[in-house]
C-alpha atoms as a PDB file:
ATOM      1  CA  MET A   1      15.447  15.304  31.672  1.00  0.00           C
ATOM      2  CA  LYS A   2      14.246  11.976  30.222  1.00  0.00           C
ATOM      3  CA  THR A   3      13.503  11.216  26.567  1.00  0.00           C
ATOM      4  CA  LEU A   4      10.143   9.826  25.434  1.00  0.00           C
ATOM      5  CA  THR A   5       9.463   8.654  21.890  1.00  0.00           C
ATOM      6  CA  VAL A   6       5.880   9.023  20.680  1.00  0.00           C
ATOM      7  CA  ARG A   7       4.408   8.391  17.240  1.00  0.00           C
ATOM      8  CA  LEU A   8       2.033  11.181  16.207  1.00  0.00           C
ATOM      9  CA  PRO A   9      -0.337  11.606  13.254  1.00  0.00           C
ATOM     10  CA  ASP A  10       1.157  13.548  10.330  1.00  0.00           C
ATOM     11  CA  SER A  11      -1.359  16.365  10.767  1.00  0.00           C
ATOM     12  CA  LEU A  12      -0.322  16.924  14.385  1.00  0.00           C
ATOM     13  CA  VAL A  13       3.389  16.818  13.508  1.00  0.00           C
ATOM     14  CA  THR A  14       2.838  19.405  10.777  1.00  0.00           C
ATOM     15  CA  GLU A  15       0.970  21.635  13.202  1.00  0.00           C
ATOM     16  CA  ILE A  16       3.758  21.367  15.806  1.00  0.00           C
ATOM     17  CA  GLU A  17       6.454  22.076  13.188  1.00  0.00           C
ATOM     18  CA  GLU A  18       4.595  25.165  11.903  1.00  0.00           C
ATOM     19  CA  GLU A  19       4.148  26.534  15.411  1.00  0.00           C
ATOM     20  CA  SER A  20       7.799  25.824  16.164  1.00  0.00           C
ATOM     21  CA  ARG A  21       8.976  27.748  13.099  1.00  0.00           C
ATOM     22  CA  SER A  22       6.618  30.675  13.616  1.00  0.00           C
ATOM     23  CA  ARG A  23       7.563  31.104  17.293  1.00  0.00           C
ATOM     24  CA  HIS A  24      11.281  30.283  16.774  1.00  0.00           C
ATOM     25  CA  ILE A  25      11.324  27.632  19.488  1.00  0.00           C
ATOM     26  CA  SER A  26      12.072  23.908  19.377  1.00  0.00           C
ATOM     27  CA  LYS A  27       9.407  21.299  18.658  1.00  0.00           C
ATOM     28  CA  SER A  28      10.120  19.816  22.080  1.00  0.00           C
ATOM     29  CA  ASP A  29       9.260  23.137  23.712  1.00  0.00           C
ATOM     30  CA  VAL A  30       5.969  23.285  21.791  1.00  0.00           C
ATOM     31  CA  VAL A  31       5.048  19.758  22.920  1.00  0.00           C
ATOM     32  CA  ARG A  32       6.023  20.496  26.546  1.00  0.00           C
ATOM     33  CA  GLU A  33       3.854  23.633  26.542  1.00  0.00           C
ATOM     34  CA  ARG A  34       0.896  21.715  25.118  1.00  0.00           C
ATOM     35  CA  LEU A  35       1.271  18.987  27.722  1.00  0.00           C
ATOM     36  CA  HIS A  36       1.170  21.585  30.496  1.00  0.00           C
ATOM     37  CA  GLN A  37      -1.922  23.368  29.126  1.00  0.00           C
ATOM     38  CA  PRO A  38      -5.199  22.685  30.926  1.00  0.00           C
ATOM     39  CA  SER A  39      -7.435  20.278  29.018  1.00  0.00           C
ATOM     40  CA  GLY A  40      -9.703  21.922  26.479  1.00  0.00           C
ATOM     41  CA  SER A  41      -7.111  24.462  25.363  1.00  0.00           C
ATOM     42  CA  CYS A  42      -4.767  22.280  23.317  1.00  0.00           C
ATOM     43  CA  GLY A  43      -4.389  24.555  20.334  1.00  0.00           C
ATOM     44  CA  PRO A  44      -6.261  25.265  17.140  1.00  0.00           C
ATOM     45  CA  THR A  45      -7.272  21.697  16.301  1.00  0.00           C
ATOM     46  CA  GLY A  46      -8.663  21.063  19.767  1.00  0.00           C
ATOM     47  CA  GLU A  47      -7.022  17.628  20.042  1.00  0.00           C
ATOM     48  CA  LEU A  48      -6.717  16.710  23.670  1.00  0.00           C
ATOM     49  CA  LEU A  49      -3.809  14.796  25.126  1.00  0.00           C
ATOM     50  CA  GLY A  50      -6.241  12.130  26.324  1.00  0.00           C
ATOM     51  CA  ASP A  51      -7.413  11.500  22.749  1.00  0.00           C
ATOM     52  CA  ILE A  52      -3.851  11.067  21.560  1.00  0.00           C
ATOM     53  CA  LEU A  53      -2.959   8.744  24.421  1.00  0.00           C
ATOM     54  CA  ARG A  54      -6.127   6.705  23.869  1.00  0.00           C
ATOM     55  CA  GLU A  55      -5.158   6.207  20.226  1.00  0.00           C
ATOM     56  CA  CYS A  56      -1.661   5.144  21.259  1.00  0.00           C
ATOM     57  CA  TRP A  57      -2.990   2.573  23.744  1.00  0.00           C
ATOM     58  CA  ASN A  58      -5.438   1.173  21.178  1.00  0.00           C
ATOM     59  CA  ALA A  59      -2.741   0.782  18.510  1.00  0.00           C
ATOM     60  CA  LYS A  60      -2.088  -2.762  17.361  1.00  0.00           C
ATOM     61  CA  VAL A  61       1.409  -3.657  18.526  1.00  0.00           C
ATOM     62  CA  PRO A  62       2.707  -7.203  18.229  1.00  0.00           C
ATOM     63  CA  SER A  63       3.322  -8.795  21.592  1.00  0.00           C
ATOM     64  CA  GLY A  64       6.311 -10.976  22.246  1.00  0.00           C
ATOM     65  CA  PRO A  65       9.354 -11.594  20.115  1.00  0.00           C
ATOM     66  CA  PRO A  66       9.106 -11.347  16.333  1.00  0.00           C
ATOM     67  CA  GLN A  67       8.286 -14.506  14.395  1.00  0.00           C
ATOM     68  CA  PHE A  68      10.293 -15.198  11.249  1.00  0.00           C
ATOM     69  CA  HIS A  69       9.196 -17.215   8.229  1.00  0.00           C
ATOM     70  CA  SER A  70      12.552 -18.956   8.042  1.00  0.00           C
ATOM     71  CA  SER A  71      13.465 -21.367  10.844  1.00  0.00           C
ATOM     72  CA  LYS A  72      17.132 -20.394  10.424  1.00  0.00           C
ATOM     73  CA  LYS A  73      16.359 -16.715  11.087  1.00  0.00           C
ATOM     74  CA  GLN A  74      14.129 -17.699  14.015  1.00  0.00           C
ATOM     75  CA  LYS A  75      16.972 -19.700  15.617  1.00  0.00           C
ATOM     76  CA  ILE A  76      19.420 -16.816  15.157  1.00  0.00           C
ATOM     77  CA  ALA A  77      16.983 -14.398  16.808  1.00  0.00           C
ATOM     78  CA  GLU A  78      16.457 -16.799  19.725  1.00  0.00           C
ATOM     79  CA  ARG A  79      20.235 -17.123  20.259  1.00  0.00           C
ATOM     80  CA  ILE A  80      20.663 -13.339  20.246  1.00  0.00           C
ATOM     81  CA  ARG A  81      17.785 -12.929  22.704  1.00  0.00           C
ATOM     82  CA  ALA A  82      19.260 -15.646  24.969  1.00  0.00           C
ATOM     83  CA  LYS A  83      22.639 -13.875  25.010  1.00  0.00           C
ATOM     84  CA  LYS A  84      20.966 -10.569  25.896  1.00  0.00           C
ATOM     85  CA  LEU A  85      18.976 -12.171  28.714  1.00  0.00           C
ATOM     86  CA  HIS A  86      22.106 -13.897  30.004  1.00  0.00           C
ATOM     87  CA  ARG A  87      23.885 -10.516  30.354  1.00  0.00           C
ATOM     88  CA  ARG A  88      21.255  -9.108  32.701  1.00  0.00           C
END
Protein backbone atom coordinates (compact mmCIF):
# COMPACT_ATOMS: atom_id res chain seq x y z
CA MET A 1 0.00 0.00 0.00
CA LYS A 2 1.31 3.48 -0.89
CA THR A 3 1.28 6.56 1.35
CA LEU A 4 -0.32 9.84 0.25
CA THR A 5 -0.02 13.07 2.23
CA VAL A 6 -2.95 15.47 1.92
CA ARG A 7 -3.61 18.73 3.76
CA LEU A 8 -7.22 18.97 4.92
CA PRO A 9 -9.26 21.77 6.50
CA ASP A 10 -9.39 21.64 10.31
CA SER A 11 -13.14 21.03 10.27
CA LEU A 12 -12.77 17.94 8.09
CA VAL A 13 -9.90 16.59 10.22
CA THR A 14 -11.99 17.03 13.36
CA GLU A 15 -14.89 15.21 11.74
CA ILE A 16 -12.64 12.30 10.67
CA GLU A 17 -11.06 12.08 14.15
CA GLU A 18 -14.48 12.02 15.86
CA GLU A 19 -15.75 9.29 13.55
CA SER A 20 -12.55 7.33 14.09
CA ARG A 21 -12.91 7.46 17.87
CA SER A 22 -16.61 6.66 17.89
CA ARG A 23 -16.22 3.65 15.56
CA HIS A 24 -12.88 2.50 17.07
CA ILE A 25 -11.12 2.38 13.71
CA SER A 26 -8.10 4.25 12.36
CA LYS A 27 -8.38 7.63 10.65
CA SER A 28 -6.89 6.03 7.54
CA ASP A 29 -9.75 3.52 7.46
CA VAL A 30 -12.30 6.34 7.73
CA VAL A 31 -10.68 8.21 4.83
CA ARG A 32 -10.46 5.03 2.70
CA GLU A 33 -14.16 4.32 3.30
CA ARG A 34 -15.11 7.88 2.34
CA LEU A 35 -13.05 7.69 -0.83
CA HIS A 36 -14.86 4.51 -1.85
CA GLN A 37 -18.35 5.93 -1.18
CA PRO A 38 -20.38 6.94 -4.23
CA SER A 39 -20.45 10.71 -4.74
CA GLY A 40 -23.22 12.49 -2.87
CA SER A 41 -22.94 10.31 0.23
CA CYS A 42 -19.72 11.63 1.76
CA GLY A 43 -20.91 11.92 5.33
CA PRO A 44 -22.75 14.44 7.43
CA THR A 45 -21.15 17.59 6.03
CA GLY A 46 -21.81 16.57 2.44
CA GLU A 47 -18.31 17.56 1.28
CA LEU A 48 -17.51 15.72 -1.89
CA LEU A 49 -14.08 14.42 -2.77
CA GLY A 50 -14.16 16.54 -5.93
CA ASP A 51 -14.59 19.72 -3.87
CA ILE A 52 -11.62 18.84 -1.71
CA LEU A 53 -9.44 17.98 -4.69
CA ARG A 54 -10.47 21.18 -6.48
CA GLU A 55 -9.38 23.21 -3.44
CA CYS A 56 -6.06 21.36 -3.36
CA TRP A 57 -5.39 22.05 -7.05
CA ASN A 58 -6.28 25.73 -6.65
CA ALA A 59 -3.97 26.19 -3.65
CA LYS A 60 -1.13 28.64 -4.14
CA VAL A 61 2.08 26.62 -4.07
CA PRO A 62 5.39 28.21 -4.97
CA SER A 63 6.88 26.76 -8.12
CA GLY A 64 10.56 26.08 -8.46
CA PRO A 65 13.27 26.15 -5.85
CA PRO A 66 12.95 28.46 -2.85
CA GLN A 67 14.44 31.94 -3.12
CA PHE A 68 16.43 33.23 -0.16
CA HIS A 69 16.96 36.85 0.85
CA SER A 70 20.64 36.23 1.53
CA SER A 71 22.89 35.45 -1.44
CA LYS A 72 25.01 33.21 0.81
CA LYS A 73 21.99 31.04 1.69
CA GLN A 74 20.94 30.99 -1.97
CA LYS A 75 24.38 29.69 -3.03
CA ILE A 76 24.32 26.99 -0.35
CA ALA A 77 20.88 25.83 -1.50
CA GLU A 78 22.04 25.73 -5.13
CA ARG A 79 25.09 23.61 -4.19
CA ILE A 80 22.92 21.16 -2.25
CA ARG A 81 20.46 20.92 -5.15
CA ALA A 82 23.34 20.36 -7.61
CA LYS A 83 24.71 17.52 -5.47
CA LYS A 84 21.27 15.90 -5.29
CA LEU A 85 20.80 16.16 -9.06
CA HIS A 86 24.28 14.75 -9.63
CA ARG A 87 23.39 11.60 -7.62
CA ARG A 88 20.46 10.71 -9.87
